[in-house]
Protein backbone atom coordinates (compact mmCIF):
# COMPACT_ATOMS: atom_id res chain seq x y z
CA UNK A 1 5.85 -75.05 32.32
CA UNK A 2 9.50 -76.10 31.99
CA UNK A 3 11.14 -76.20 35.45
CA UNK A 4 14.16 -74.15 34.33
CA UNK A 5 11.94 -71.44 32.81
CA UNK A 6 9.78 -71.43 35.92
CA UNK A 7 12.85 -70.99 38.13
CA UNK A 8 14.10 -68.11 35.95
CA UNK A 9 10.76 -66.31 36.12
CA UNK A 10 10.58 -66.75 39.88
CA UNK A 11 14.17 -65.48 40.31
CA UNK A 12 13.33 -62.42 38.23
CA UNK A 13 10.21 -61.78 40.25
CA UNK A 14 12.20 -62.08 43.48
CA UNK A 15 14.77 -59.54 42.23
CA UNK A 16 17.64 -62.03 42.16
CA UNK A 17 20.74 -61.29 40.13
CA UNK A 18 20.42 -61.32 36.38
CA UNK A 19 22.51 -63.96 34.56
CA UNK A 20 26.22 -63.18 34.59
CA UNK A 21 26.50 -62.83 30.81
CA UNK A 22 23.72 -60.25 30.79
CA UNK A 23 25.27 -58.46 33.75
CA UNK A 24 28.64 -58.36 31.96
CA UNK A 25 26.99 -56.68 28.96
CA UNK A 26 25.20 -54.22 31.23
CA UNK A 27 28.47 -53.50 33.06
CA UNK A 28 30.27 -52.55 29.85
CA UNK A 29 27.40 -50.26 28.88
CA UNK A 30 27.21 -48.81 32.38
CA UNK A 31 30.88 -47.76 32.70
CA UNK A 32 30.77 -46.34 29.18
CA UNK A 33 27.70 -44.31 30.18
CA UNK A 34 29.49 -43.02 33.29
CA UNK A 35 32.44 -41.96 31.16
CA UNK A 36 30.37 -40.25 28.49
CA UNK A 37 28.00 -38.51 30.90
CA UNK A 38 30.26 -37.61 33.83
CA UNK A 39 33.81 -38.04 32.44
CA UNK A 40 34.84 -40.50 35.16
CA UNK A 41 36.61 -43.51 33.68
CA UNK A 42 35.99 -46.90 35.33
CA UNK A 43 36.41 -48.85 32.10
CA UNK A 44 39.77 -50.31 33.16
CA UNK A 45 38.81 -51.16 36.74
CA UNK A 46 38.84 -54.82 37.77
CA UNK A 47 35.40 -56.23 36.80
CA UNK A 48 35.05 -58.45 39.87
CA UNK A 49 35.40 -55.48 42.20
CA UNK A 50 33.04 -53.31 40.16
CA UNK A 51 30.40 -56.03 40.07
CA UNK A 52 30.48 -56.41 43.84
CA UNK A 53 30.16 -52.69 44.46
CA UNK A 54 27.48 -52.14 41.82
CA UNK A 55 25.32 -54.94 43.20
CA UNK A 56 25.40 -53.10 46.53
CA UNK A 57 24.48 -49.87 44.73
CA UNK A 58 21.59 -51.60 42.97
CA UNK A 59 20.19 -52.63 46.34
CA UNK A 60 20.61 -49.10 47.68
CA UNK A 61 18.76 -47.52 44.73
CA UNK A 62 16.10 -50.23 44.52
CA UNK A 63 17.15 -51.51 41.10
CA UNK A 64 16.72 -55.14 39.95
CA UNK A 65 19.10 -54.65 37.00
CA UNK A 66 22.13 -52.56 36.25
CA UNK A 67 20.24 -51.10 33.29
CA UNK A 68 17.69 -49.66 35.70
CA UNK A 69 20.49 -48.07 37.71
CA UNK A 70 22.00 -46.69 34.48
CA UNK A 71 18.67 -45.11 33.63
CA UNK A 72 18.63 -43.30 36.99
CA UNK A 73 22.26 -42.30 36.54
CA UNK A 74 21.68 -40.72 33.14
CA UNK A 75 18.50 -38.86 33.99
CA UNK A 76 19.06 -37.73 37.59
CA UNK A 77 22.33 -35.88 38.21
CA UNK A 78 21.83 -36.25 41.97
CA UNK A 79 22.44 -40.00 41.67
CA UNK A 80 26.04 -39.89 40.51
CA UNK A 81 27.64 -38.31 43.63
CA UNK A 82 25.93 -40.96 45.74
CA UNK A 83 26.95 -43.72 43.34
CA UNK A 84 30.55 -42.57 43.44
CA UNK A 85 30.69 -43.59 47.09
CA UNK A 86 30.06 -47.17 45.94
CA UNK A 87 32.48 -47.06 43.02
CA UNK A 88 35.42 -45.81 45.10
CA UNK A 89 36.93 -47.45 48.17
CA UNK A 90 36.32 -45.56 51.41
CA UNK A 91 38.14 -47.86 53.84
CA UNK A 92 41.18 -46.36 55.53
CA UNK A 93 42.75 -45.62 58.90
CA UNK A 94 45.60 -43.53 60.24
CA UNK A 95 49.04 -45.15 60.05
CA UNK A 96 47.48 -48.20 58.43
CA UNK A 97 50.02 -51.04 58.31
CA UNK A 98 52.44 -49.48 60.85
CA UNK A 99 55.51 -51.35 59.52
CA UNK A 100 55.12 -49.39 56.26
CA UNK A 101 55.34 -46.08 58.09
CA UNK A 102 58.21 -47.44 60.21
CA UNK A 103 60.06 -48.27 56.99
CA UNK A 104 59.43 -44.74 55.73
CA UNK A 105 61.01 -43.37 58.90
CA UNK A 106 63.99 -45.73 58.78
CA UNK A 107 64.74 -46.04 55.06
CA UNK A 108 63.22 -43.02 53.29
CA UNK A 109 63.27 -40.09 55.72
CA UNK A 110 67.09 -40.04 56.05
CA UNK A 111 67.33 -39.54 52.27
CA UNK A 112 64.49 -37.02 52.19
CA UNK A 113 66.50 -34.90 54.62
CA UNK A 114 68.98 -34.21 51.81
CA UNK A 115 66.39 -32.19 49.84
CA UNK A 116 65.96 -28.47 50.57
CA UNK A 117 62.22 -28.78 49.86
CA UNK A 118 59.91 -31.75 49.50
CA UNK A 119 56.75 -32.67 47.64
CA UNK A 120 54.78 -35.81 48.48
CA UNK A 121 51.87 -37.28 46.53
CA UNK A 122 49.24 -39.38 48.32
CA UNK A 123 47.31 -40.87 45.40
CA UNK A 124 43.83 -42.20 46.17
CA UNK A 125 43.69 -40.48 49.56
CA UNK A 126 40.05 -41.43 50.25
CA UNK A 127 38.89 -39.70 53.45
CA UNK A 128 42.37 -38.41 54.26
CA UNK A 129 43.71 -40.69 56.97
CA UNK A 130 46.97 -41.40 55.15
CA UNK A 131 47.53 -37.75 54.23
CA UNK A 132 47.18 -36.62 57.85
CA UNK A 133 49.37 -39.55 58.95
CA UNK A 134 52.08 -38.49 56.52
CA UNK A 135 51.91 -34.90 57.77
CA UNK A 136 52.29 -36.08 61.38
CA UNK A 137 55.19 -38.36 60.50
CA UNK A 138 57.00 -35.58 58.65
CA UNK A 139 56.36 -33.15 61.52
CA UNK A 140 57.84 -35.65 63.97
CA UNK A 141 60.86 -36.09 61.71
CA UNK A 142 61.39 -32.32 61.40
CA UNK A 143 60.55 -32.21 57.68
CA UNK A 144 57.01 -30.86 57.52
CA UNK A 145 57.97 -27.17 57.37
CA UNK A 146 59.66 -27.73 54.01
CA UNK A 147 57.05 -30.16 52.63
CA UNK A 148 53.92 -29.85 50.50
CA UNK A 149 51.65 -32.91 50.42
CA UNK A 150 49.32 -33.43 47.47
CA UNK A 151 46.40 -35.64 48.54
CA UNK A 152 44.28 -36.65 45.55
CA UNK A 153 41.15 -38.70 44.91
CA UNK A 154 38.28 -38.82 42.41
CA UNK A 155 35.54 -38.72 45.05
CA UNK A 156 34.48 -35.17 45.98
CA UNK A 157 32.66 -36.36 49.11
CA UNK A 158 35.80 -38.10 50.33
CA UNK A 159 37.94 -35.06 49.65
CA UNK A 160 35.57 -32.83 51.59
CA UNK A 161 35.71 -35.18 54.56
CA UNK A 162 39.49 -35.49 54.28
CA UNK A 163 40.01 -31.75 54.31
CA UNK A 164 38.20 -31.30 57.62
CA UNK A 165 40.64 -33.56 59.48
CA UNK A 166 37.80 -34.65 61.76
CA UNK A 167 37.42 -38.30 62.77
CA UNK A 168 35.13 -40.09 65.22
CA UNK A 169 36.57 -40.37 68.72
CA UNK A 170 35.98 -44.13 68.83
CA UNK A 171 38.53 -44.59 66.03
CA UNK A 172 41.32 -42.81 67.89
CA UNK A 173 42.42 -45.76 70.05
CA UNK A 174 43.17 -47.78 66.92
CA UNK A 175 44.85 -44.80 65.27
CA UNK A 176 47.00 -44.28 68.37
CA UNK A 177 48.12 -47.93 68.45
CA UNK A 178 49.11 -47.73 64.77
CA UNK A 179 50.94 -44.46 65.38
CA UNK A 180 52.93 -45.90 68.27
CA UNK A 181 53.88 -48.98 66.25
CA UNK A 182 55.06 -46.77 63.38
CA UNK A 183 58.01 -45.60 65.48
CA UNK A 184 56.37 -42.36 66.59
CA UNK A 185 58.37 -39.79 68.56
CA UNK A 186 55.30 -38.38 70.30
CA UNK A 187 51.77 -39.25 71.35
CA UNK A 188 49.09 -38.95 68.70
CA UNK A 189 47.13 -36.81 71.16
CA UNK A 190 49.67 -34.02 70.61
CA UNK A 191 48.31 -33.62 67.08
CA UNK A 192 44.56 -33.29 67.69
CA UNK A 193 41.97 -31.85 70.07
CA UNK A 194 38.82 -33.61 71.24
CA UNK A 195 35.49 -31.93 70.53
CA UNK A 196 31.89 -33.21 70.61
CA UNK A 197 32.77 -36.88 70.19
CA UNK A 198 35.33 -36.24 67.48
CA UNK A 199 39.07 -35.75 67.14
CA UNK A 200 39.98 -32.60 65.22
CA UNK A 201 43.50 -32.67 63.82
CA UNK A 202 45.79 -29.68 64.11
CA UNK A 203 45.02 -27.14 61.39
CA UNK A 204 48.73 -26.29 61.23
CA UNK A 205 49.19 -29.69 59.62
CA UNK A 206 46.60 -28.77 57.01
CA UNK A 207 48.72 -25.82 55.85
CA UNK A 208 51.03 -28.36 54.27
CA UNK A 209 48.34 -30.47 52.54
CA UNK A 210 46.56 -29.71 49.26
CA UNK A 211 43.46 -31.86 48.73
CA UNK A 212 42.54 -32.07 45.06
CA UNK A 213 40.57 -34.04 42.49
CA UNK A 214 42.76 -36.26 40.30
CA UNK A 215 42.01 -39.43 38.33
CA UNK A 216 44.71 -42.02 37.74
CA UNK A 217 42.62 -43.22 34.79
CA UNK A 218 42.41 -39.96 32.84
CA UNK A 219 44.59 -37.20 34.33
CA UNK A 220 48.27 -36.37 33.88
CA UNK A 221 51.23 -35.67 36.13
CA UNK A 222 50.91 -32.29 37.83
CA UNK A 223 54.20 -31.89 39.76
CA UNK A 224 57.62 -33.35 40.38
CA UNK A 225 57.66 -35.12 43.75
CA UNK A 226 60.15 -36.96 45.95
CA UNK A 227 57.70 -39.52 47.34
CA UNK A 228 54.52 -41.13 46.01
CA UNK A 229 52.37 -43.25 48.32
CA UNK A 230 49.52 -45.07 46.59
CA UNK A 231 48.38 -47.95 48.73
CA UNK A 232 45.52 -50.38 48.22
CA UNK A 233 44.36 -48.63 45.06
CA UNK A 234 46.07 -50.58 42.28
CA UNK A 235 44.37 -53.82 43.34
CA UNK A 236 41.11 -52.39 41.98
CA UNK A 237 42.59 -51.72 38.53
CA UNK A 238 43.12 -54.11 35.65
CA UNK A 239 46.64 -54.57 34.25
CA UNK A 240 46.36 -51.76 31.69
CA UNK A 241 45.26 -49.20 34.27
CA UNK A 242 47.90 -50.38 36.74
CA UNK A 243 50.51 -49.74 34.07
CA UNK A 244 49.09 -46.27 33.43
CA UNK A 245 49.10 -45.36 37.11
CA UNK A 246 52.63 -46.59 37.73
CA UNK A 247 53.72 -44.73 34.63
CA UNK A 248 52.31 -41.53 36.14
CA UNK A 249 54.20 -42.18 39.36
CA UNK A 250 57.40 -42.83 37.45
CA UNK A 251 57.02 -39.56 35.52
CA UNK A 252 56.16 -37.59 38.66
CA UNK A 253 59.09 -38.86 40.72
CA UNK A 254 62.42 -37.10 40.66
CA UNK A 255 65.56 -39.14 40.10
CA UNK A 256 65.96 -41.61 42.97
CA UNK A 257 62.51 -40.68 44.31
CA UNK A 258 60.46 -43.15 46.33
CA UNK A 259 57.26 -45.10 45.66
CA UNK A 260 55.17 -47.01 48.18
CA UNK A 261 52.27 -49.32 47.23
CA UNK A 262 49.99 -51.65 49.16
CA UNK A 263 50.94 -54.94 50.75
CA UNK A 264 49.07 -56.91 48.07
CA UNK A 265 50.42 -54.80 45.21
CA UNK A 266 53.68 -54.99 43.29
CA UNK A 267 55.55 -53.50 40.35
CA UNK A 268 56.45 -56.95 39.08
CA UNK A 269 55.20 -57.81 35.61
CA UNK A 270 54.39 -54.17 34.87
CA UNK A 271 55.88 -52.15 32.02
CA UNK A 272 57.75 -49.95 34.51
CA UNK A 273 59.38 -52.59 36.70
CA UNK A 274 62.87 -51.84 35.40
CA UNK A 275 62.54 -48.15 36.30
CA UNK A 276 62.65 -49.01 40.02
CA UNK A 277 64.75 -50.91 42.51
CA UNK A 278 63.28 -52.60 45.57
CA UNK A 279 64.18 -50.56 48.63
CA UNK A 280 62.23 -52.52 51.26
CA UNK A 281 60.73 -55.39 49.24
CA UNK A 282 58.56 -56.93 51.94
CA UNK A 283 56.84 -53.59 52.55
CA UNK A 284 56.50 -52.64 48.86
CA UNK A 285 58.80 -49.61 49.01
CA UNK A 286 60.68 -48.81 45.82
CA UNK A 287 63.20 -46.27 44.63
CA UNK A 288 63.32 -44.87 41.13
CA UNK A 289 66.59 -45.59 39.37
CA UNK A 290 68.90 -42.63 38.92
CA UNK A 291 68.85 -42.79 35.13
CA UNK A 292 65.14 -43.60 34.74
């Protein structure tokens, strides 16, 4: 038997990855199937990221090929909610990248004070750490009472976890360090109570947060807001979907509203670059132009 054929047969028997070209075909069919069956659109997500996550999902569901996973997805509705945890990013922490939150306090909050009421959009809120962080920051700056925070994501499991405001106690030390470095005016402990190995954040904060399903790939603008924070989400999109998302943020923002994105993200080379000025360039904070 030819050595190359023998190696291929052995790799298949061992459950190794199928050839990349075959996997690419399966990937296109898979995301189309997700869209047609469940109306979630991953067709414009970065392929490299999707491949990595789907290989992990294949291992979890005991599938040697993506086609096998697609078969489960189409014929067992219980699979998709579990799969969604692989397709969406669930990594977050409170006051992540403290200099970003410090820049919000120093450069954005003084201008937000000029509005009689405020609306903030946290896009891709995952399990809610950034939404609760924003609520705490605005409370400390005396703005929360006139603010409504929209925290959106496509993952229902994540939204359910986010809405509880409950996080494992072992994470609190790191959250507290981030909070302090963000220029906090209080101790993080003033905003939660400890219970059964968890930290439960103040339900009075929750009164100012609306957790809701929203897809940057398929949904439209739902409100006019003064601040959009969408961090470490755009890196998982291809250029077309990045343009769509930034276009949504542009349309949602009021004149001279503010946009924050992740440290590895930028508005450069997008269709909407000229609609914004760089407010704090090194921390990816932008302001919408007055006439945009």
